[in-house]
Amino acid sequence: DDLVQELPLPVRDSVRDSAQFRAEALAEGIGKVRLETAVRAFIESTPVDLRQRLKHTLSYKGIDPEEYDEAFSS
């Protein structure tokens, strides 16, 4: 939710819903969504034009965006 609040209001709900669906799909069979999976799903669900700004937000929150280069380029 902290990351969602950093997005523009018009896209928050759609990104939140899409990220939740994607995280659950990525975690299928595990039963629990790990932080890394949730962050990856969030990045992949964020519109491409907002992802660069998201790198700064992740850094600010103590998450290394370089660990998610694959998700940023998807």
N, C-alpha and C. Protein backbone atom coordinates (compact mmCIF):
# COMPACT_ATOMS: atom_id res chain seq x y z
N ASP A 1 0.82 -1.21 0.00
CA ASP A 1 0.00 0.00 0.00
C ASP A 1 0.86 1.27 0.00
N ASP A 2 2.03 1.20 0.66
CA ASP A 2 2.92 2.37 0.65
C ASP A 2 3.33 2.73 -0.77
N LEU A 3 3.65 1.73 -1.56
CA LEU A 3 4.08 1.99 -2.93
C LEU A 3 2.92 2.50 -3.79
N VAL A 4 1.75 1.95 -3.58
CA VAL A 4 0.57 2.38 -4.35
C VAL A 4 0.28 3.86 -4.10
N GLN A 5 0.47 4.32 -2.89
CA GLN A 5 0.20 5.72 -2.56
C GLN A 5 1.12 6.68 -3.30
N GLU A 6 2.23 6.19 -3.81
CA GLU A 6 3.17 7.03 -4.56
C GLU A 6 2.76 7.20 -6.02
N LEU A 7 1.78 6.43 -6.46
CA LEU A 7 1.31 6.51 -7.84
C LEU A 7 0.24 7.59 -7.98
N PRO A 8 0.05 8.10 -9.20
CA PRO A 8 -1.04 9.05 -9.42
C PRO A 8 -2.38 8.39 -9.10
N LEU A 9 -3.27 9.14 -8.52
CA LEU A 9 -4.57 8.64 -8.08
C LEU A 9 -5.34 7.86 -9.16
N PRO A 10 -5.36 8.32 -10.42
CA PRO A 10 -6.16 7.61 -11.42
C PRO A 10 -5.73 6.16 -11.68
N VAL A 11 -4.48 5.80 -11.38
CA VAL A 11 -4.03 4.43 -11.68
C VAL A 11 -3.90 3.54 -10.45
N ARG A 12 -4.08 4.09 -9.28
CA ARG A 12 -3.84 3.34 -8.05
C ARG A 12 -4.65 2.05 -7.95
N ASP A 13 -5.96 2.14 -8.14
CA ASP A 13 -6.81 0.95 -7.97
C ASP A 13 -6.48 -0.12 -8.99
N SER A 14 -6.28 0.28 -10.23
CA SER A 14 -6.00 -0.72 -11.26
C SER A 14 -4.64 -1.39 -11.04
N VAL A 15 -3.64 -0.61 -10.62
CA VAL A 15 -2.33 -1.19 -10.34
C VAL A 15 -2.41 -2.11 -9.13
N ARG A 16 -3.11 -1.69 -8.09
CA ARG A 16 -3.26 -2.51 -6.89
C ARG A 16 -3.91 -3.86 -7.23
N ASP A 17 -5.00 -3.82 -7.97
CA ASP A 17 -5.71 -5.04 -8.34
C ASP A 17 -4.85 -5.94 -9.23
N SER A 18 -4.22 -5.34 -10.21
CA SER A 18 -3.37 -6.10 -11.13
C SER A 18 -2.17 -6.71 -10.41
N ALA A 19 -1.56 -5.94 -9.52
CA ALA A 19 -0.40 -6.44 -8.77
C ALA A 19 -0.79 -7.59 -7.85
N GLN A 20 -1.94 -7.49 -7.23
CA GLN A 20 -2.39 -8.56 -6.35
C GLN A 20 -2.61 -9.84 -7.15
N PHE A 21 -3.27 -9.72 -8.28
CA PHE A 21 -3.52 -10.88 -9.14
C PHE A 21 -2.21 -11.48 -9.62
N ARG A 22 -1.28 -10.64 -10.05
CA ARG A 22 0.02 -11.10 -10.57
C ARG A 22 0.83 -11.77 -9.46
N ALA A 23 0.85 -11.18 -8.27
CA ALA A 23 1.61 -11.76 -7.15
C ALA A 23 1.07 -13.13 -6.78
N GLU A 24 -0.23 -13.26 -6.76
CA GLU A 24 -0.83 -14.56 -6.44
C GLU A 24 -0.50 -15.59 -7.51
N ALA A 25 -0.46 -15.16 -8.76
CA ALA A 25 -0.10 -16.07 -9.85
C ALA A 25 1.36 -16.50 -9.75
N LEU A 26 2.24 -15.55 -9.42
CA LEU A 26 3.66 -15.87 -9.28
C LEU A 26 3.92 -16.79 -8.09
N ALA A 27 3.11 -16.67 -7.05
CA ALA A 27 3.30 -17.46 -5.82
C ALA A 27 2.50 -18.75 -5.83
N GLU A 28 1.86 -19.06 -6.94
CA GLU A 28 1.03 -20.26 -6.99
C GLU A 28 1.83 -21.49 -6.56
N GLY A 29 1.23 -22.25 -5.68
CA GLY A 29 1.89 -23.44 -5.17
C GLY A 29 2.69 -23.21 -3.91
N ILE A 30 3.08 -21.97 -3.67
CA ILE A 30 3.84 -21.64 -2.46
C ILE A 30 2.90 -21.38 -1.30
N GLY A 31 1.76 -20.78 -1.59
CA GLY A 31 0.77 -20.51 -0.57
C GLY A 31 0.91 -19.16 0.10
N LYS A 32 2.06 -18.54 -0.03
CA LYS A 32 2.29 -17.23 0.60
C LYS A 32 3.08 -16.35 -0.36
N VAL A 33 2.67 -15.09 -0.46
CA VAL A 33 3.36 -14.15 -1.34
C VAL A 33 4.49 -13.50 -0.55
N ARG A 34 5.71 -13.71 -1.01
CA ARG A 34 6.87 -13.09 -0.36
C ARG A 34 7.01 -11.63 -0.82
N LEU A 35 7.76 -10.85 -0.05
CA LEU A 35 7.96 -9.44 -0.37
C LEU A 35 8.54 -9.28 -1.77
N GLU A 36 9.53 -10.08 -2.12
CA GLU A 36 10.17 -9.97 -3.43
C GLU A 36 9.16 -10.20 -4.55
N THR A 37 8.28 -11.15 -4.34
CA THR A 37 7.25 -11.45 -5.34
C THR A 37 6.26 -10.30 -5.46
N ALA A 38 5.88 -9.73 -4.32
CA ALA A 38 4.94 -8.61 -4.32
C ALA A 38 5.54 -7.39 -5.02
N VAL A 39 6.81 -7.11 -4.77
CA VAL A 39 7.46 -5.96 -5.41
C VAL A 39 7.55 -6.19 -6.92
N ARG A 40 7.95 -7.39 -7.31
CA ARG A 40 8.02 -7.70 -8.74
C ARG A 40 6.67 -7.52 -9.41
N ALA A 41 5.63 -8.05 -8.79
CA ALA A 41 4.28 -7.92 -9.35
C ALA A 41 3.85 -6.46 -9.43
N PHE A 42 4.21 -5.68 -8.43
CA PHE A 42 3.86 -4.25 -8.43
C PHE A 42 4.55 -3.53 -9.58
N ILE A 43 5.83 -3.81 -9.77
CA ILE A 43 6.57 -3.17 -10.86
C ILE A 43 5.96 -3.54 -12.20
N GLU A 44 5.69 -4.82 -12.40
CA GLU A 44 5.13 -5.28 -13.67
C GLU A 44 3.74 -4.72 -13.92
N SER A 45 3.02 -4.38 -12.86
CA SER A 45 1.66 -3.86 -12.99
C SER A 45 1.62 -2.34 -13.15
N THR A 46 2.73 -1.69 -12.88
CA THR A 46 2.80 -0.23 -13.00
C THR A 46 2.99 0.14 -14.47
N PRO A 47 2.23 1.11 -14.97
CA PRO A 47 2.40 1.54 -16.36
C PRO A 47 3.86 1.91 -16.65
N VAL A 48 4.31 1.56 -17.83
CA VAL A 48 5.71 1.74 -18.22
C VAL A 48 6.17 3.18 -18.03
N ASP A 49 5.33 4.14 -18.35
CA ASP A 49 5.73 5.54 -18.24
C ASP A 49 5.91 6.00 -16.79
N LEU A 50 5.47 5.23 -15.82
CA LEU A 50 5.63 5.58 -14.40
C LEU A 50 6.73 4.77 -13.72
N ARG A 51 7.29 3.81 -14.40
CA ARG A 51 8.28 2.93 -13.77
C ARG A 51 9.57 3.61 -13.39
N GLN A 52 10.03 4.57 -14.16
CA GLN A 52 11.29 5.26 -13.84
C GLN A 52 11.16 5.98 -12.50
N ARG A 53 10.05 6.61 -12.28
CA ARG A 53 9.77 7.28 -11.01
C ARG A 53 9.70 6.26 -9.87
N LEU A 54 9.23 5.08 -10.19
CA LEU A 54 9.10 4.02 -9.21
C LEU A 54 10.46 3.58 -8.67
N LYS A 55 11.50 3.64 -9.49
CA LYS A 55 12.84 3.28 -9.04
C LYS A 55 13.27 4.15 -7.86
N HIS A 56 13.00 5.43 -7.96
CA HIS A 56 13.33 6.35 -6.87
C HIS A 56 12.54 6.00 -5.61
N THR A 57 11.27 5.71 -5.78
CA THR A 57 10.41 5.37 -4.65
C THR A 57 10.89 4.10 -3.96
N LEU A 58 11.26 3.09 -4.73
CA LEU A 58 11.76 1.85 -4.15
C LEU A 58 13.04 2.12 -3.35
N SER A 59 13.94 2.90 -3.91
CA SER A 59 15.18 3.23 -3.20
C SER A 59 14.87 3.94 -1.89
N TYR A 60 13.96 4.87 -1.93
CA TYR A 60 13.57 5.61 -0.74
C TYR A 60 13.00 4.69 0.34
N LYS A 61 12.31 3.64 -0.09
CA LYS A 61 11.71 2.68 0.85
C LYS A 61 12.70 1.59 1.28
N GLY A 62 13.95 1.68 0.80
CA GLY A 62 14.96 0.72 1.20
C GLY A 62 15.01 -0.54 0.35
N ILE A 63 14.43 -0.48 -0.83
CA ILE A 63 14.42 -1.62 -1.74
C ILE A 63 15.32 -1.28 -2.93
N ASP A 64 16.27 -2.15 -3.22
CA ASP A 64 17.21 -1.92 -4.33
C ASP A 64 16.52 -2.20 -5.66
N PRO A 65 16.26 -1.18 -6.46
CA PRO A 65 15.55 -1.39 -7.73
C PRO A 65 16.37 -2.22 -8.72
N GLU A 66 17.69 -2.25 -8.58
CA GLU A 66 18.51 -3.02 -9.49
C GLU A 66 18.25 -4.51 -9.38
N GLU A 67 17.75 -4.95 -8.24
CA GLU A 67 17.42 -6.36 -8.07
C GLU A 67 16.20 -6.75 -8.90
N TYR A 68 15.50 -5.77 -9.42
CA TYR A 68 14.27 -6.01 -10.18
C TYR A 68 14.37 -5.53 -11.62
N ASP A 69 15.59 -5.50 -12.15
CA ASP A 69 15.78 -5.02 -13.54
C ASP A 69 14.92 -5.78 -14.54
N GLU A 70 14.78 -7.09 -14.34
CA GLU A 70 13.97 -7.90 -15.24
C GLU A 70 12.51 -7.45 -15.22
N ALA A 71 11.99 -7.15 -14.03
CA ALA A 71 10.60 -6.71 -13.91
C ALA A 71 10.42 -5.33 -14.55
N PHE A 72 11.42 -4.45 -14.41
CA PHE A 72 11.31 -3.13 -15.02
C PHE A 72 11.30 -3.19 -16.54
N SER A 73 11.93 -4.19 -17.10
CA SER A 73 12.00 -4.27 -18.55
C SER A 73 10.90 -5.14 -19.15
N SER A 74 10.01 -5.67 -18.31
CA SER A 74 8.93 -6.52 -18.84
C SER A 74 7.79 -5.70 -19.39
